[in-house]
PDB file of N, CA and C in Angstrom:
ATOM      1  N   MET A   1       0.848  -1.183   0.000  1.00  0.00           N
ATOM      2  CA  MET A   1       0.000   0.000   0.000  1.00  0.00           C
ATOM      3  C   MET A   1       0.892   1.245   0.000  1.00  0.00           C
ATOM      4  N   PHE A   2       0.296   2.396  -0.113  1.00  0.00           N
ATOM      5  CA  PHE A   2       1.044   3.647  -0.137  1.00  0.00           C
ATOM      6  C   PHE A   2       0.596   4.540   1.012  1.00  0.00           C
ATOM      7  N   ASP A   3       1.390   5.528   1.323  1.00  0.00           N
ATOM      8  CA  ASP A   3       1.128   6.452   2.424  1.00  0.00           C
ATOM      9  C   ASP A   3       0.062   7.460   2.002  1.00  0.00           C
ATOM     10  N   LYS A   4      -1.136   7.274   2.495  1.00  0.00           N
ATOM     11  CA  LYS A   4      -2.259   8.142   2.112  1.00  0.00           C
ATOM     12  C   LYS A   4      -2.155   9.537   2.722  1.00  0.00           C
ATOM     13  N   ASN A   5      -1.224   9.735   3.632  1.00  0.00           N
ATOM     14  CA  ASN A   5      -0.990  11.076   4.171  1.00  0.00           C
ATOM     15  C   ASN A   5      -0.097  11.890   3.237  1.00  0.00           C
ATOM     16  N   ARG A   6       0.725  11.198   2.467  1.00  0.00           N
ATOM     17  CA  ARG A   6       1.633  11.890   1.550  1.00  0.00           C
ATOM     18  C   ARG A   6       1.111  11.899   0.112  1.00  0.00           C
ATOM     19  N   ILE A   7       0.426  10.848  -0.292  1.00  0.00           N
ATOM     20  CA  ILE A   7      -0.127  10.763  -1.648  1.00  0.00           C
ATOM     21  C   ILE A   7      -1.619  11.040  -1.535  1.00  0.00           C
ATOM     22  N   THR A   8      -2.049  12.150  -2.112  1.00  0.00           N
ATOM     23  CA  THR A   8      -3.447  12.568  -1.959  1.00  0.00           C
ATOM     24  C   THR A   8      -4.106  12.763  -3.317  1.00  0.00           C
ATOM     25  N   PHE A   9      -5.416  12.703  -3.290  1.00  0.00           N
ATOM     26  CA  PHE A   9      -6.234  12.868  -4.495  1.00  0.00           C
ATOM     27  C   PHE A   9      -7.342  13.865  -4.179  1.00  0.00           C
ATOM     28  N   ASP A  10      -7.413  14.916  -4.961  1.00  0.00           N
ATOM     29  CA  ASP A  10      -8.445  15.936  -4.761  1.00  0.00           C
ATOM     30  C   ASP A  10      -8.850  16.430  -6.142  1.00  0.00           C
ATOM     31  N   PRO A  11     -10.129  16.275  -6.495  1.00  0.00           N
ATOM     32  CA  PRO A  11     -10.565  16.705  -7.821  1.00  0.00           C
ATOM     33  C   PRO A  11     -10.307  18.190  -8.099  1.00  0.00           C
ATOM     34  N   LYS A  12     -10.139  18.989  -7.043  1.00  0.00           N
ATOM     35  CA  LYS A  12      -9.902  20.423  -7.212  1.00  0.00           C
ATOM     36  C   LYS A  12      -8.418  20.750  -7.400  1.00  0.00           C
ATOM     37  N   ILE A  13      -7.563  19.761  -7.207  1.00  0.00           N
ATOM     38  CA  ILE A  13      -6.118  19.980  -7.332  1.00  0.00           C
ATOM     39  C   ILE A  13      -5.579  19.095  -8.445  1.00  0.00           C
ATOM     40  N   MET A  14      -5.056  19.720  -9.486  1.00  0.00           N
ATOM     41  CA  MET A  14      -4.457  19.010 -10.616  1.00  0.00           C
ATOM     42  C   MET A  14      -5.413  17.972 -11.221  1.00  0.00           C
ATOM     43  N   GLY A  15      -6.699  18.314 -11.219  1.00  0.00           N
ATOM     44  CA  GLY A  15      -7.701  17.439 -11.843  1.00  0.00           C
ATOM     45  C   GLY A  15      -7.842  16.085 -11.179  1.00  0.00           C
ATOM     46  N   GLY A  16      -7.445  15.977  -9.912  1.00  0.00           N
ATOM     47  CA  GLY A  16      -7.590  14.717  -9.196  1.00  0.00           C
ATOM     48  C   GLY A  16      -6.400  13.782  -9.332  1.00  0.00           C
ATOM     49  N   GLN A  17      -5.333  14.234  -9.996  1.00  0.00           N
ATOM     50  CA  GLN A  17      -4.129  13.404 -10.095  1.00  0.00           C
ATOM     51  C   GLN A  17      -3.567  13.126  -8.708  1.00  0.00           C
ATOM     52  N   ALA A  18      -2.812  12.049  -8.606  1.00  0.00           N
ATOM     53  CA  ALA A  18      -2.099  11.764  -7.366  1.00  0.00           C
ATOM     54  C   ALA A  18      -1.084  12.882  -7.158  1.00  0.00           C
ATOM     55  N   CYS A  19      -1.165  13.531  -6.002  1.00  0.00           N
ATOM     56  CA  CYS A  19      -0.266  14.651  -5.682  1.00  0.00           C
ATOM     57  C   CYS A  19       0.388  14.417  -4.329  1.00  0.00           C
ATOM     58  N   ILE A  20       1.393  15.210  -4.079  1.00  0.00           N
ATOM     59  CA  ILE A  20       2.105  15.141  -2.812  1.00  0.00           C
ATOM     60  C   ILE A  20       1.418  16.048  -1.791  1.00  0.00           C
ATOM     61  N   ARG A  21       0.922  15.446  -0.733  1.00  0.00           N
ATOM     62  CA  ARG A  21       0.319  16.137   0.417  1.00  0.00           C
ATOM     63  C   ARG A  21      -0.606  17.295   0.056  1.00  0.00           C
ATOM     64  N   GLY A  22      -1.441  17.107  -0.945  1.00  0.00           N
ATOM     65  CA  GLY A  22      -2.421  18.127  -1.305  1.00  0.00           C
ATOM     66  C   GLY A  22      -1.845  19.323  -2.021  1.00  0.00           C
ATOM     67  N   MET A  23      -0.574  19.268  -2.357  1.00  0.00           N
ATOM     68  CA  MET A  23       0.053  20.386  -3.077  1.00  0.00           C
ATOM     69  C   MET A  23      -0.108  20.163  -4.580  1.00  0.00           C
ATOM     70  N   ARG A  24       0.215  21.165  -5.334  1.00  0.00           N
ATOM     71  CA  ARG A  24       0.135  21.065  -6.792  1.00  0.00           C
ATOM     72  C   ARG A  24       1.425  20.469  -7.360  1.00  0.00           C
ATOM     73  N   ILE A  25       1.884  19.425  -6.715  1.00  0.00           N
ATOM     74  CA  ILE A  25       3.072  18.692  -7.161  1.00  0.00           C
ATOM     75  C   ILE A  25       2.628  17.257  -7.423  1.00  0.00           C
ATOM     76  N   PRO A  26       2.414  16.914  -8.705  1.00  0.00           N
ATOM     77  CA  PRO A  26       1.942  15.556  -9.007  1.00  0.00           C
ATOM     78  C   PRO A  26       3.024  14.505  -8.759  1.00  0.00           C
ATOM     79  N   VAL A  27       2.581  13.362  -8.327  1.00  0.00           N
ATOM     80  CA  VAL A  27       3.478  12.223  -8.133  1.00  0.00           C
ATOM     81  C   VAL A  27       4.210  11.918  -9.434  1.00  0.00           C
ATOM     82  N   SER A  28       3.518  12.045 -10.556  1.00  0.00           N
ATOM     83  CA  SER A  28       4.135  11.735 -11.851  1.00  0.00           C
ATOM     84  C   SER A  28       5.355  12.617 -12.111  1.00  0.00           C
ATOM     85  N   LEU A  29       5.334  13.855 -11.650  1.00  0.00           N
ATOM     86  CA  LEU A  29       6.481  14.746 -11.811  1.00  0.00           C
ATOM     87  C   LEU A  29       7.684  14.199 -11.042  1.00  0.00           C
ATOM     88  N   ILE A  30       7.449  13.793  -9.807  1.00  0.00           N
ATOM     89  CA  ILE A  30       8.531  13.269  -8.973  1.00  0.00           C
ATOM     90  C   ILE A  30       9.101  11.996  -9.590  1.00  0.00           C
ATOM     91  N   ILE A  31       8.238  11.102 -10.024  1.00  0.00           N
ATOM     92  CA  ILE A  31       8.687   9.846 -10.636  1.00  0.00           C
ATOM     93  C   ILE A  31       9.501  10.145 -11.893  1.00  0.00           C
ATOM     94  N   ASN A  32       9.050  11.091 -12.686  1.00  0.00           N
ATOM     95  CA  ASN A  32       9.759  11.464 -13.910  1.00  0.00           C
ATOM     96  C   ASN A  32      11.147  12.018 -13.594  1.00  0.00           C
ATOM     97  N   LEU A  33      11.246  12.867 -12.584  1.00  0.00           N
ATOM     98  CA  LEU A  33      12.547  13.427 -12.208  1.00  0.00           C
ATOM     99  C   LEU A  33      13.504  12.330 -11.744  1.00  0.00           C
ATOM    100  N   VAL A  34      13.011  11.426 -10.916  1.00  0.00           N
ATOM    101  CA  VAL A  34      13.842  10.330 -10.424  1.00  0.00           C
ATOM    102  C   VAL A  34      14.246   9.419 -11.587  1.00  0.00           C
ATOM    103  N   ALA A  35      13.311   9.135 -12.484  1.00  0.00           N
ATOM    104  CA  ALA A  35      13.598   8.268 -13.636  1.00  0.00           C
ATOM    105  C   ALA A  35      14.669   8.866 -14.542  1.00  0.00           C
ATOM    106  N   HIS A  36      14.764  10.189 -14.542  1.00  0.00           N
ATOM    107  CA  HIS A  36      15.782  10.865 -15.356  1.00  0.00           C
ATOM    108  C   HIS A  36      17.038  11.194 -14.537  1.00  0.00           C
ATOM    109  N   ASN A  37      17.202  10.438 -13.456  1.00  0.00           N
ATOM    110  CA  ASN A  37      18.414  10.506 -12.616  1.00  0.00           C
ATOM    111  C   ASN A  37      18.667  11.848 -11.945  1.00  0.00           C
ATOM    112  N   LYS A  38      17.619  12.587 -11.674  1.00  0.00           N
ATOM    113  CA  LYS A  38      17.777  13.843 -10.928  1.00  0.00           C
ATOM    114  C   LYS A  38      18.046  13.468  -9.466  1.00  0.00           C
ATOM    115  N   PRO A  39      19.139  13.928  -8.897  1.00  0.00           N
ATOM    116  CA  PRO A  39      19.440  13.598  -7.502  1.00  0.00           C
ATOM    117  C   PRO A  39      18.401  14.180  -6.541  1.00  0.00           C
ATOM    118  N   ARG A  40      18.127  13.433  -5.491  1.00  0.00           N
ATOM    119  CA  ARG A  40      17.149  13.887  -4.496  1.00  0.00           C
ATOM    120  C   ARG A  40      17.451  15.285  -3.980  1.00  0.00           C
ATOM    121  N   PRO A  41      18.705  15.605  -3.641  1.00  0.00           N
ATOM    122  CA  PRO A  41      18.967  16.969  -3.137  1.00  0.00           C
ATOM    123  C   PRO A  41      18.576  18.054  -4.141  1.00  0.00           C
ATOM    124  N   GLU A  42      18.746  17.794  -5.425  1.00  0.00           N
ATOM    125  CA  GLU A  42      18.353  18.783  -6.442  1.00  0.00           C
ATOM    126  C   GLU A  42      16.835  18.902  -6.527  1.00  0.00           C
ATOM    127  N   ILE A  43      16.135  17.775  -6.431  1.00  0.00           N
ATOM    128  CA  ILE A  43      14.666  17.811  -6.452  1.00  0.00           C
ATOM    129  C   ILE A  43      14.169  18.620  -5.263  1.00  0.00           C
ATOM    130  N   LEU A  44      14.733  18.343  -4.102  1.00  0.00           N
ATOM    131  CA  LEU A  44      14.312  19.051  -2.887  1.00  0.00           C
ATOM    132  C   LEU A  44      14.645  20.543  -2.955  1.00  0.00           C
ATOM    133  N   ALA A  45      15.739  20.879  -3.615  1.00  0.00           N
ATOM    134  CA  ALA A  45      16.104  22.289  -3.761  1.00  0.00           C
ATOM    135  C   ALA A  45      15.155  23.013  -4.714  1.00  0.00           C
ATOM    136  N   GLU A  46      14.739  22.325  -5.780  1.00  0.00           N
ATOM    137  CA  GLU A  46      13.821  22.936  -6.751  1.00  0.00           C
ATOM    138  C   GLU A  46      12.393  23.036  -6.220  1.00  0.00           C
ATOM    139  N   TYR A  47      12.031  22.140  -5.324  1.00  0.00           N
ATOM    140  CA  TYR A  47      10.685  22.121  -4.756  1.00  0.00           C
ATOM    141  C   TYR A  47      10.823  22.158  -3.229  1.00  0.00           C
ATOM    142  N   PRO A  48      11.043  23.348  -2.661  1.00  0.00           N
ATOM    143  CA  PRO A  48      11.342  23.459  -1.234  1.00  0.00           C
ATOM    144  C   PRO A  48      10.234  22.975  -0.300  1.00  0.00           C
ATOM    145  N   ASP A  49       9.007  22.848  -0.795  1.00  0.00           N
ATOM    146  CA  ASP A  49       7.926  22.331   0.054  1.00  0.00           C
ATOM    147  C   ASP A  49       7.967  20.811   0.176  1.00  0.00           C
ATOM    148  N   LEU A  50       8.754  20.163  -0.680  1.00  0.00           N
ATOM    149  CA  LEU A  50       8.875  18.704  -0.626  1.00  0.00           C
ATOM    150  C   LEU A  50       9.771  18.286   0.524  1.00  0.00           C
ATOM    151  N   GLU A  51       9.509  17.090   1.008  1.00  0.00           N
ATOM    152  CA  GLU A  51      10.364  16.452   2.001  1.00  0.00           C
ATOM    153  C   GLU A  51      10.909  15.171   1.383  1.00  0.00           C
ATOM    154  N   ASP A  52      12.026  14.697   1.891  1.00  0.00           N
ATOM    155  CA  ASP A  52      12.621  13.479   1.361  1.00  0.00           C
ATOM    156  C   ASP A  52      11.614  12.323   1.401  1.00  0.00           C
ATOM    157  N   GLY A  53      10.820  12.263   2.453  1.00  0.00           N
ATOM    158  CA  GLY A  53       9.804  11.214   2.578  1.00  0.00           C
ATOM    159  C   GLY A  53       8.762  11.268   1.470  1.00  0.00           C
ATOM    160  N   ASP A  54       8.526  12.450   0.910  1.00  0.00           N
ATOM    161  CA  ASP A  54       7.578  12.583  -0.200  1.00  0.00           C
ATOM    162  C   ASP A  54       8.099  11.864  -1.440  1.00  0.00           C
ATOM    163  N   ILE A  55       9.405  11.965  -1.671  1.00  0.00           N
ATOM    164  CA  ILE A  55      10.000  11.291  -2.823  1.00  0.00           C
ATOM    165  C   ILE A  55       9.891   9.780  -2.641  1.00  0.00           C
ATOM    166  N   SER A  56      10.194   9.319  -1.441  1.00  0.00           N
ATOM    167  CA  SER A  56      10.064   7.888  -1.156  1.00  0.00           C
ATOM    168  C   SER A  56       8.623   7.427  -1.325  1.00  0.00           C
ATOM    169  N   ALA A  57       7.682   8.221  -0.847  1.00  0.00           N
ATOM    170  CA  ALA A  57       6.269   7.866  -0.972  1.00  0.00           C
ATOM    171  C   ALA A  57       5.841   7.795  -2.426  1.00  0.00           C
ATOM    172  N   ALA A  58       6.339   8.717  -3.248  1.00  0.00           N
ATOM    173  CA  ALA A  58       6.009   8.698  -4.677  1.00  0.00           C
ATOM    174  C   ALA A  58       6.524   7.420  -5.337  1.00  0.00           C
ATOM    175  N   LEU A  59       7.746   7.025  -4.976  1.00  0.00           N
ATOM    176  CA  LEU A  59       8.311   5.796  -5.530  1.00  0.00           C
ATOM    177  C   LEU A  59       7.540   4.563  -5.063  1.00  0.00           C
ATOM    178  N   LEU A  60       7.168   4.548  -3.799  1.00  0.00           N
ATOM    179  CA  LEU A  60       6.377   3.423  -3.286  1.00  0.00           C
ATOM    180  C   LEU A  60       5.005   3.362  -3.944  1.00  0.00           C
ATOM    181  N   TYR A  61       4.412   4.518  -4.211  1.00  0.00           N
ATOM    182  CA  TYR A  61       3.120   4.556  -4.902  1.00  0.00           C
ATOM    183  C   TYR A  61       3.257   3.988  -6.314  1.00  0.00           C
ATOM    184  N   ALA A  62       4.323   4.373  -7.014  1.00  0.00           N
ATOM    185  CA  ALA A  62       4.560   3.847  -8.364  1.00  0.00           C
ATOM    186  C   ALA A  62       4.766   2.335  -8.321  1.00  0.00           C
ATOM    187  N   ALA A  63       5.504   1.860  -7.331  1.00  0.00           N
ATOM    188  CA  ALA A  63       5.723   0.421  -7.190  1.00  0.00           C
ATOM    189  C   ALA A  63       4.403  -0.291  -6.917  1.00  0.00           C
ATOM    190  N   TRP A  64       3.576   0.313  -6.072  1.00  0.00           N
ATOM    191  CA  TRP A  64       2.270  -0.272  -5.758  1.00  0.00           C
ATOM    192  C   TRP A  64       1.407  -0.360  -7.020  1.00  0.00           C
ATOM    193  N   LEU A  65       1.412   0.694  -7.817  1.00  0.00           N
ATOM    194  CA  LEU A  65       0.631   0.682  -9.055  1.00  0.00           C
ATOM    195  C   LEU A  65       1.119  -0.376 -10.032  1.00  0.00           C
ATOM    196  N   SER A  66       2.412  -0.609 -10.047  1.00  0.00           N
ATOM    197  CA  SER A  66       2.965  -1.553 -11.021  1.00  0.00           C
ATOM    198  C   SER A  66       2.676  -3.003 -10.656  1.00  0.00           C
ATOM    199  N   GLN A  67       2.053  -3.249  -9.530  1.00  0.00           N
ATOM    200  CA  GLN A  67       1.701  -4.608  -9.138  1.00  0.00           C
ATOM    201  C   GLN A  67       0.452  -5.122  -9.848  1.00  0.00           C
ATOM    202  N   ASP A  68      -0.227  -4.237 -10.559  1.00  0.00           N
ATOM    203  CA  ASP A  68      -1.435  -4.675 -11.261  1.00  0.00           C
ATOM    204  C   ASP A  68      -1.112  -5.833 -12.196  1.00  0.00           C
ATOM    205  N   ARG A  69      -2.041  -6.760 -12.261  1.00  0.00           N
ATOM    206  CA  ARG A  69      -1.867  -7.898 -13.148  1.00  0.00           C
ATOM    207  C   ARG A  69      -3.020  -7.915 -14.141  1.00  0.00           C
ATOM    208  N   PHE A  70      -2.666  -8.195 -15.363  1.00  0.00           N
ATOM    209  CA  PHE A  70      -3.674  -8.312 -16.399  1.00  0.00           C
ATOM    210  C   PHE A  70      -3.722  -9.755 -16.835  1.00  0.00           C
ATOM    211  N   VAL A  71      -4.904 -10.302 -16.785  1.00  0.00           N
ATOM    212  CA  VAL A  71      -5.092 -11.704 -17.156  1.00  0.00           C
ATOM    213  C   VAL A  71      -5.847 -11.750 -18.457  1.00  0.00           C
ATOM    214  N   THR A  72      -5.333 -12.525 -19.378  1.00  0.00           N
ATOM    215  CA  THR A  72      -6.039 -12.709 -20.637  1.00  0.00           C
ATOM    216  C   THR A  72      -6.584 -14.136 -20.666  1.00  0.00           C
ATOM    217  N   TYR A  73      -7.689 -14.268 -21.304  1.00  0.00           N
ATOM    218  CA  TYR A  73      -8.334 -15.570 -21.395  1.00  0.00           C
ATOM    219  C   TYR A  73      -8.432 -15.944 -22.863  1.00  0.00           C
ATOM    220  N   GLU A  74      -8.125 -17.187 -23.143  1.00  0.00           N
ATOM    221  CA  GLU A  74      -8.292 -17.664 -24.499  1.00  0.00           C
ATOM    222  C   GLU A  74      -9.741 -18.083 -24.678  1.00  0.00           C
ATOM    223  N   ARG A  75     -10.269 -17.703 -25.801  1.00  0.00           N
ATOM    224  CA  ARG A  75     -11.653 -18.075 -26.091  1.00  0.00           C
ATOM    225  C   ARG A  75     -11.678 -19.518 -26.589  1.00  0.00           C
ATOM    226  N   VAL A  76     -12.508 -20.305 -25.961  1.00  0.00           N
ATOM    227  CA  VAL A  76     -12.637 -21.703 -26.343  1.00  0.00           C
ATOM    228  C   VAL A  76     -13.883 -21.851 -27.210  1.00  0.00           C
ATOM    229  N   SER A  77     -13.686 -22.384 -28.396  1.00  0.00           N
ATOM    230  CA  SER A  77     -14.820 -22.535 -29.318  1.00  0.00           C
ATOM    231  C   SER A  77     -15.567 -23.804 -29.052  1.00  0.00           C
TER     232      SER A  77
END
């Protein structure tokens, strides 16, 4: 599961996207920065309202989402 105190959803903020603690900082932005090898200290410097735990929570949320499984069924005639 993910930290619901750090990852929030509000239809009035960023159209309901997963955001960090109700701020206008989408989780997808954090994941994208990390995926492009942006060091945590630089992310925190660019977004001073972020905490290191927010970055960890974003990564854990992405990991949680990636656990989805898709099952396909073959049609039997």
